Amino acid sequence: MGRFSRGGKARRLCPESAPDHDYAPDAVLAPFGVLETDSGQVSIIFGESKETSDFIADALERWYEIRKRKILKYKELLINLDNGPSLASNRTRFLKRMVMFAKKTGKIIHLVYYPPYHSKYNAIERFRGALEKYWNGKIPDKVKKVFRIAEKSSWENTHHIVDSLKKSYKTGVRPTEEEIEKYGQYIQRSESLPKWDVYIFPNIAN
């Protein structure tokens, strides 16, 4: 975040000014987005730290708390993911947190990963492109301004839900071997696509 020129366009009489060189940012926000494909509702959770497995898991739990009333009726949550390093199916810290999420909600968590270079099939990537096009015409130099930009934009005629996590996250956090063995009992991988298709149960998998 800062007064950086982003090469975007906006409808206004006078363009906003920005320095001709990029200096150190005033602050950094990490966005985490959830697109509910049945309704088109988008939730954006901003973090003020690094995008780690713990940040992603905390943001997912925050989304669940916000949308709990709508999704209580479902026994299983199907989550389509990209192949980011913080949420890969071999990231033990992420899998541990997903087991904790399943146990906390009492729901089966079904993780389905998009193959590499297939982001064009990922609906939230199309949303992200539209959002970036929208706020590239702005100067996101303050947290409140970023939130306001995100809230005013829309997807499929639905305004976004915007929230934040004020927490600092450490990188390189890894479960112990005992924890990996313990939480592995709740995880079941597809025989044909073990890397891309993973079930996580709130109780020990059969």
C-alpha atoms as a PDB file:
ATOM      1  CA  MET A   1       0.000   0.000   0.000  1.00  0.00           C
ATOM      2  CA  GLY A   2       1.160   3.499  -0.851  1.00  0.00           C
ATOM      3  CA  ARG A   3       0.843   6.223  -3.448  1.00  0.00           C
ATOM      4  CA  PHE A   4       1.899   3.973  -6.307  1.00  0.00           C
ATOM      5  CA  SER A   5       0.819   4.329  -9.919  1.00  0.00           C
ATOM      6  CA  ARG A   6      -0.885   1.072 -10.925  1.00  0.00           C
ATOM      7  CA  GLY A   7      -1.535   1.859 -14.576  1.00  0.00           C
ATOM      8  CA  GLY A   8      -5.308   1.721 -14.198  1.00  0.00           C
ATOM      9  CA  LYS A   9      -8.116   3.939 -15.413  1.00  0.00           C
ATOM     10  CA  ALA A  10     -10.875   5.775 -13.560  1.00  0.00           C
ATOM     11  CA  ARG A  11     -13.734   8.064 -14.538  1.00  0.00           C
ATOM     12  CA  ARG A  12     -12.924  11.448 -12.996  1.00  0.00           C
ATOM     13  CA  LEU A  13     -12.184  15.005 -14.091  1.00  0.00           C
ATOM     14  CA  CYS A  14      -8.676  15.098 -12.639  1.00  0.00           C
ATOM     15  CA  PRO A  15      -6.416  12.053 -12.237  1.00  0.00           C
ATOM     16  CA  GLU A  16      -4.978  11.230  -8.829  1.00  0.00           C
ATOM     17  CA  SER A  17      -1.274  12.011  -8.521  1.00  0.00           C
ATOM     18  CA  ALA A  18       1.370   9.428  -7.681  1.00  0.00           C
ATOM     19  CA  PRO A  19       5.207   9.528  -7.460  1.00  0.00           C
ATOM     20  CA  ASP A  20       7.153   8.570 -10.576  1.00  0.00           C
ATOM     21  CA  HIS A  21       9.149   5.987  -8.589  1.00  0.00           C
ATOM     22  CA  ASP A  22       7.943   3.184  -6.326  1.00  0.00           C
ATOM     23  CA  TYR A  23       9.211   3.640  -2.802  1.00  0.00           C
ATOM     24  CA  ALA A  24       8.867   1.305   0.176  1.00  0.00           C
ATOM     25  CA  PRO A  25       5.184   0.541   0.870  1.00  0.00           C
ATOM     26  CA  ASP A  26       3.452   2.236   3.785  1.00  0.00           C
ATOM     27  CA  ALA A  27       1.853  -1.081   4.755  1.00  0.00           C
ATOM     28  CA  VAL A  28       1.070  -4.510   3.304  1.00  0.00           C
ATOM     29  CA  LEU A  29      -2.314  -6.250   3.183  1.00  0.00           C
ATOM     30  CA  ALA A  30      -2.701  -9.918   2.241  1.00  0.00           C
ATOM     31  CA  PRO A  31      -6.165 -10.662   0.795  1.00  0.00           C
ATOM     32  CA  PHE A  32      -7.882 -14.031   1.210  1.00  0.00           C
ATOM     33  CA  GLY A  33     -11.011 -14.566  -0.864  1.00  0.00           C
ATOM     34  CA  VAL A  34     -13.883 -17.050  -0.758  1.00  0.00           C
ATOM     35  CA  LEU A  35     -16.306 -17.231  -3.681  1.00  0.00           C
ATOM     36  CA  GLU A  36     -19.489 -19.180  -2.983  1.00  0.00           C
ATOM     37  CA  THR A  37     -20.260 -20.593  -6.412  1.00  0.00           C
ATOM     38  CA  ASP A  38     -23.948 -21.232  -5.735  1.00  0.00           C
ATOM     39  CA  SER A  39     -24.788 -17.609  -4.901  1.00  0.00           C
ATOM     40  CA  GLY A  40     -21.851 -15.598  -6.260  1.00  0.00           C
ATOM     41  CA  GLN A  41     -21.223 -14.148  -2.790  1.00  0.00           C
ATOM     42  CA  VAL A  42     -17.601 -13.098  -2.289  1.00  0.00           C
ATOM     43  CA  SER A  43     -15.948 -12.636   1.096  1.00  0.00           C
ATOM     44  CA  ILE A  44     -12.547 -10.945   1.381  1.00  0.00           C
ATOM     45  CA  ILE A  45     -10.538 -11.290   4.587  1.00  0.00           C
ATOM     46  CA  PHE A  46      -7.495  -9.002   4.755  1.00  0.00           C
ATOM     47  CA  GLY A  47      -4.484  -9.905   6.832  1.00  0.00           C
ATOM     48  CA  GLU A  48      -1.766  -7.528   7.993  1.00  0.00           C
ATOM     49  CA  SER A  49       0.957 -10.163   7.935  1.00  0.00           C
ATOM     50  CA  LYS A  50       2.321 -12.852   5.608  1.00  0.00           C
ATOM     51  CA  GLU A  51       0.155 -15.326   3.695  1.00  0.00           C
ATOM     52  CA  THR A  52       0.882 -18.465   5.695  1.00  0.00           C
ATOM     53  CA  SER A  53      -1.055 -21.686   6.274  1.00  0.00           C
ATOM     54  CA  ASP A  54      -2.229 -20.312   9.612  1.00  0.00           C
ATOM     55  CA  PHE A  55      -3.435 -17.063   8.055  1.00  0.00           C
ATOM     56  CA  ILE A  56      -5.399 -18.977   5.417  1.00  0.00           C
ATOM     57  CA  ALA A  57      -6.919 -21.304   8.023  1.00  0.00           C
ATOM     58  CA  ASP A  58      -7.821 -18.409  10.341  1.00  0.00           C
ATOM     59  CA  ALA A  59      -9.375 -16.520   7.423  1.00  0.00           C
ATOM     60  CA  LEU A  60     -11.394 -19.592   6.444  1.00  0.00           C
ATOM     61  CA  GLU A  61     -12.626 -19.941  10.026  1.00  0.00           C
ATOM     62  CA  ARG A  62     -13.542 -16.239  10.048  1.00  0.00           C
ATOM     63  CA  TRP A  63     -15.496 -16.705   6.812  1.00  0.00           C
ATOM     64  CA  TYR A  64     -17.314 -19.649   8.380  1.00  0.00           C
ATOM     65  CA  GLU A  65     -18.293 -17.590  11.428  1.00  0.00           C
ATOM     66  CA  ILE A  66     -19.629 -14.817   9.180  1.00  0.00           C
ATOM     67  CA  ARG A  67     -21.588 -17.196   6.912  1.00  0.00           C
ATOM     68  CA  LYS A  68     -22.409 -19.922   9.454  1.00  0.00           C
ATOM     69  CA  ARG A  69     -26.149 -19.334   9.377  1.00  0.00           C
ATOM     70  CA  LYS A  70     -26.291 -19.959   5.618  1.00  0.00           C
ATOM     71  CA  ILE A  71     -24.129 -23.096   5.577  1.00  0.00           C
ATOM     72  CA  LEU A  72     -25.191 -24.884   8.761  1.00  0.00           C
ATOM     73  CA  LYS A  73     -27.448 -27.163   6.727  1.00  0.00           C
ATOM     74  CA  TYR A  74     -24.533 -28.630   4.765  1.00  0.00           C
ATOM     75  CA  LYS A  75     -22.729 -31.727   6.058  1.00  0.00           C
ATOM     76  CA  GLU A  76     -19.797 -31.271   3.687  1.00  0.00           C
ATOM     77  CA  LEU A  77     -17.868 -28.237   2.491  1.00  0.00           C
ATOM     78  CA  LEU A  78     -16.326 -28.637  -0.962  1.00  0.00           C
ATOM     79  CA  ILE A  79     -13.397 -26.237  -1.293  1.00  0.00           C
ATOM     80  CA  ASN A  80     -11.719 -25.689  -4.657  1.00  0.00           C
ATOM     81  CA  LEU A  81      -8.140 -24.443  -4.231  1.00  0.00           C
ATOM     82  CA  ASP A  82      -5.225 -23.325  -6.342  1.00  0.00           C
ATOM     83  CA  ASN A  83      -1.736 -24.733  -5.808  1.00  0.00           C
ATOM     84  CA  GLY A  84      -0.299 -22.002  -3.617  1.00  0.00           C
ATOM     85  CA  PRO A  85       2.530 -23.227  -1.367  1.00  0.00           C
ATOM     86  CA  SER A  86       0.708 -22.284   1.849  1.00  0.00           C
ATOM     87  CA  LEU A  87      -2.303 -24.508   1.128  1.00  0.00           C
ATOM     88  CA  ALA A  88      -0.853 -27.359  -0.909  1.00  0.00           C
ATOM     89  CA  SER A  89      -2.021 -30.869  -0.037  1.00  0.00           C
ATOM     90  CA  ASN A  90       1.490 -31.781   1.158  1.00  0.00           C
ATOM     91  CA  ARG A  91       1.726 -28.774   3.499  1.00  0.00           C
ATOM     92  CA  THR A  92       1.490 -30.498   6.870  1.00  0.00           C
ATOM     93  CA  ARG A  93       0.673 -27.315   8.796  1.00  0.00           C
ATOM     94  CA  PHE A  94      -2.241 -26.556   6.469  1.00  0.00           C
ATOM     95  CA  LEU A  95      -3.585 -30.112   6.739  1.00  0.00           C
ATOM     96  CA  LYS A  96      -3.371 -29.976  10.528  1.00  0.00           C
ATOM     97  CA  ARG A  97      -5.363 -26.737  10.530  1.00  0.00           C
ATOM     98  CA  MET A  98      -7.953 -28.218   8.162  1.00  0.00           C
ATOM     99  CA  VAL A  99      -8.406 -31.186  10.518  1.00  0.00           C
ATOM    100  CA  MET A 100      -8.917 -28.698  13.352  1.00  0.00           C
ATOM    101  CA  PHE A 101     -11.417 -26.807  11.164  1.00  0.00           C
ATOM    102  CA  ALA A 102     -13.337 -30.013  10.421  1.00  0.00           C
ATOM    103  CA  LYS A 103     -13.459 -30.943  14.110  1.00  0.00           C
ATOM    104  CA  LYS A 104     -14.519 -27.410  15.091  1.00  0.00           C
ATOM    105  CA  THR A 105     -17.383 -27.248  12.565  1.00  0.00           C
ATOM    106  CA  GLY A 106     -18.327 -30.941  12.621  1.00  0.00           C
ATOM    107  CA  LYS A 107     -18.306 -30.951   8.805  1.00  0.00           C
ATOM    108  CA  ILE A 108     -16.491 -33.048   6.230  1.00  0.00           C
ATOM    109  CA  ILE A 109     -13.979 -30.875   4.368  1.00  0.00           C
ATOM    110  CA  HIS A 110     -13.400 -31.904   0.762  1.00  0.00           C
ATOM    111  CA  LEU A 111     -10.324 -30.260  -0.780  1.00  0.00           C
ATOM    112  CA  VAL A 112     -10.196 -30.332  -4.578  1.00  0.00           C
ATOM    113  CA  TYR A 113      -7.187 -28.707  -6.254  1.00  0.00           C
ATOM    114  CA  TYR A 114      -6.999 -27.171  -9.696  1.00  0.00           C
ATOM    115  CA  PRO A 115      -4.116 -28.554 -11.781  1.00  0.00           C
ATOM    116  CA  PRO A 116      -1.193 -26.213 -12.518  1.00  0.00           C
ATOM    117  CA  TYR A 117      -1.798 -23.562 -15.217  1.00  0.00           C
ATOM    118  CA  HIS A 118      -5.580 -23.986 -15.080  1.00  0.00           C
ATOM    119  CA  SER A 119      -6.422 -20.727 -13.287  1.00  0.00           C
ATOM    120  CA  LYS A 120      -8.762 -19.751 -16.142  1.00  0.00           C
ATOM    121  CA  TYR A 121     -11.174 -22.408 -14.837  1.00  0.00           C
ATOM    122  CA  ASN A 122     -10.988 -21.046 -11.298  1.00  0.00           C
ATOM    123  CA  ALA A 123     -13.933 -18.675 -10.838  1.00  0.00           C
ATOM    124  CA  ILE A 124     -12.267 -16.689  -8.062  1.00  0.00           C
ATOM    125  CA  GLU A 125      -9.339 -15.913 -10.366  1.00  0.00           C
ATOM    126  CA  ARG A 126     -11.779 -14.209 -12.755  1.00  0.00           C
ATOM    127  CA  PHE A 127     -13.204 -12.287  -9.812  1.00  0.00           C
ATOM    128  CA  ARG A 128      -9.703 -11.303  -8.710  1.00  0.00           C
ATOM    129  CA  GLY A 129      -8.901 -10.011 -12.184  1.00  0.00           C
ATOM    130  CA  ALA A 130     -12.059  -7.884 -12.180  1.00  0.00           C
ATOM    131  CA  LEU A 131     -11.258  -6.524  -8.712  1.00  0.00           C
ATOM    132  CA  GLU A 132      -7.673  -5.648  -9.681  1.00  0.00           C
ATOM    133  CA  LYS A 133      -8.929  -3.862 -12.801  1.00  0.00           C
ATOM    134  CA  TYR A 134     -11.297  -1.874 -10.596  1.00  0.00           C
ATOM    135  CA  TRP A 135      -8.816  -0.798  -7.931  1.00  0.00           C
ATOM    136  CA  ASN A 136      -5.910  -0.219 -10.331  1.00  0.00           C
ATOM    137  CA  GLY A 137      -7.681   3.052 -11.140  1.00  0.00           C
ATOM    138  CA  LYS A 138      -7.396   4.058  -7.477  1.00  0.00           C
ATOM    139  CA  ILE A 139      -4.521   4.921  -5.153  1.00  0.00           C
ATOM    140  CA  PRO A 140      -4.765   2.353  -2.308  1.00  0.00           C
ATOM    141  CA  ASP A 141      -2.672   4.217   0.241  1.00  0.00           C
ATOM    142  CA  LYS A 142      -4.761   3.719   3.394  1.00  0.00           C
ATOM    143  CA  VAL A 143      -6.334   0.628   4.988  1.00  0.00           C
ATOM    144  CA  LYS A 144      -9.786   2.201   5.224  1.00  0.00           C
ATOM    145  CA  LYS A 145      -9.576   3.179   1.573  1.00  0.00           C
ATOM    146  CA  VAL A 146      -8.703  -0.374   0.515  1.00  0.00           C
ATOM    147  CA  PHE A 147     -11.663  -1.691   2.519  1.00  0.00           C
ATOM    148  CA  ARG A 148     -13.968   0.904   0.964  1.00  0.00           C
ATOM    149  CA  ILE A 149     -12.792   0.009  -2.551  1.00  0.00           C
ATOM    150  CA  ALA A 150     -13.363  -3.707  -1.866  1.00  0.00           C
ATOM    151  CA  GLU A 151     -16.816  -3.082  -0.360  1.00  0.00           C
ATOM    152  CA  LYS A 152     -17.997  -0.855  -3.230  1.00  0.00           C
ATOM    153  CA  SER A 153     -17.003  -3.325  -5.950  1.00  0.00           C
ATOM    154  CA  SER A 154     -19.351  -6.196  -6.766  1.00  0.00           C
ATOM    155  CA  TRP A 155     -19.468  -9.623  -8.410  1.00  0.00           C
ATOM    156  CA  GLU A 156     -22.580 -10.963 -10.113  1.00  0.00           C
ATOM    157  CA  ASN A 157     -24.544  -8.012  -8.698  1.00  0.00           C
ATOM    158  CA  THR A 158     -23.578  -8.963  -5.143  1.00  0.00           C
ATOM    159  CA  HIS A 159     -21.501  -6.669  -2.930  1.00  0.00           C
ATOM    160  CA  HIS A 160     -18.584  -8.218  -1.120  1.00  0.00           C
ATOM    161  CA  ILE A 161     -18.305  -9.057   2.548  1.00  0.00           C
ATOM    162  CA  VAL A 162     -15.074  -7.497   3.827  1.00  0.00           C
ATOM    163  CA  ASP A 163     -13.337  -8.233   7.129  1.00  0.00           C
ATOM    164  CA  SER A 164      -9.819  -8.382   8.540  1.00  0.00           C
ATOM    165  CA  LEU A 165      -7.508 -10.330  10.843  1.00  0.00           C
ATOM    166  CA  LYS A 166      -5.220  -8.280  13.046  1.00  0.00           C
ATOM    167  CA  LYS A 167      -2.625 -10.887  13.821  1.00  0.00           C
ATOM    168  CA  SER A 168       1.019 -11.506  13.007  1.00  0.00           C
ATOM    169  CA  TYR A 169       1.947 -14.891  11.515  1.00  0.00           C
ATOM    170  CA  LYS A 170       5.287 -16.684  11.570  1.00  0.00           C
ATOM    171  CA  THR A 171       6.657 -18.549   8.576  1.00  0.00           C
ATOM    172  CA  GLY A 172       8.190 -22.023   8.720  1.00  0.00           C
ATOM    173  CA  VAL A 173       5.793 -23.381  11.359  1.00  0.00           C
ATOM    174  CA  ARG A 174       5.616 -27.182  11.058  1.00  0.00           C
ATOM    175  CA  PRO A 175       3.839 -29.845  13.129  1.00  0.00           C
ATOM    176  CA  THR A 176       5.868 -32.460  14.961  1.00  0.00           C
ATOM    177  CA  GLU A 177       6.046 -36.020  13.634  1.00  0.00           C
ATOM    178  CA  GLU A 178       3.655 -37.091  16.408  1.00  0.00           C
ATOM    179  CA  GLU A 179       1.139 -34.425  15.358  1.00  0.00           C
ATOM    180  CA  ILE A 180       1.430 -35.428  11.693  1.00  0.00           C
ATOM    181  CA  GLU A 181       0.691 -39.046  12.585  1.00  0.00           C
ATOM    182  CA  LYS A 182      -2.194 -38.044  14.873  1.00  0.00           C
ATOM    183  CA  TYR A 183      -3.936 -35.740  12.395  1.00  0.00           C
ATOM    184  CA  GLY A 184      -3.248 -38.086   9.485  1.00  0.00           C
ATOM    185  CA  GLN A 185      -5.956 -40.389  10.855  1.00  0.00           C
ATOM    186  CA  TYR A 186      -8.592 -37.831   9.828  1.00  0.00           C
ATOM    187  CA  ILE A 187      -7.334 -37.507   6.244  1.00  0.00           C
ATOM    188  CA  GLN A 188      -8.323 -39.683   3.294  1.00  0.00           C
ATOM    189  CA  ARG A 189      -6.827 -39.213  -0.167  1.00  0.00           C
ATOM    190  CA  SER A 190      -8.238 -40.312  -3.498  1.00  0.00           C
ATOM    191  CA  GLU A 191      -6.575 -43.456  -4.813  1.00  0.00           C
ATOM    192  CA  SER A 192      -6.404 -42.093  -8.365  1.00  0.00           C
ATOM    193  CA  LEU A 193      -5.655 -38.424  -7.558  1.00  0.00           C
ATOM    194  CA  PRO A 194      -4.109 -38.394  -4.061  1.00  0.00           C
ATOM    195  CA  LYS A 195      -2.483 -34.992  -4.544  1.00  0.00           C
ATOM    196  CA  TRP A 196      -5.552 -33.230  -5.909  1.00  0.00           C
ATOM    197  CA  ASP A 197      -8.502 -34.818  -4.095  1.00  0.00           C
ATOM    198  CA  VAL A 198      -8.439 -34.954  -0.292  1.00  0.00           C
ATOM    199  CA  TYR A 199     -11.175 -35.619   2.268  1.00  0.00           C
ATOM    200  CA  ILE A 200     -10.809 -34.453   5.858  1.00  0.00           C
ATOM    201  CA  PHE A 201     -13.227 -35.846   8.432  1.00  0.00           C
ATOM    202  CA  PRO A 202     -14.237 -34.474  11.834  1.00  0.00           C
ATOM    203  CA  ASN A 203     -13.867 -38.001  13.183  1.00  0.00           C
ATOM    204  CA  ILE A 204     -11.173 -40.592  12.466  1.00  0.00           C
ATOM    205  CA  ALA A 205     -11.475 -41.736   8.840  1.00  0.00           C
ATOM    206  CA  ASN A 206     -12.386 -45.378   8.209  1.00  0.00           C
END
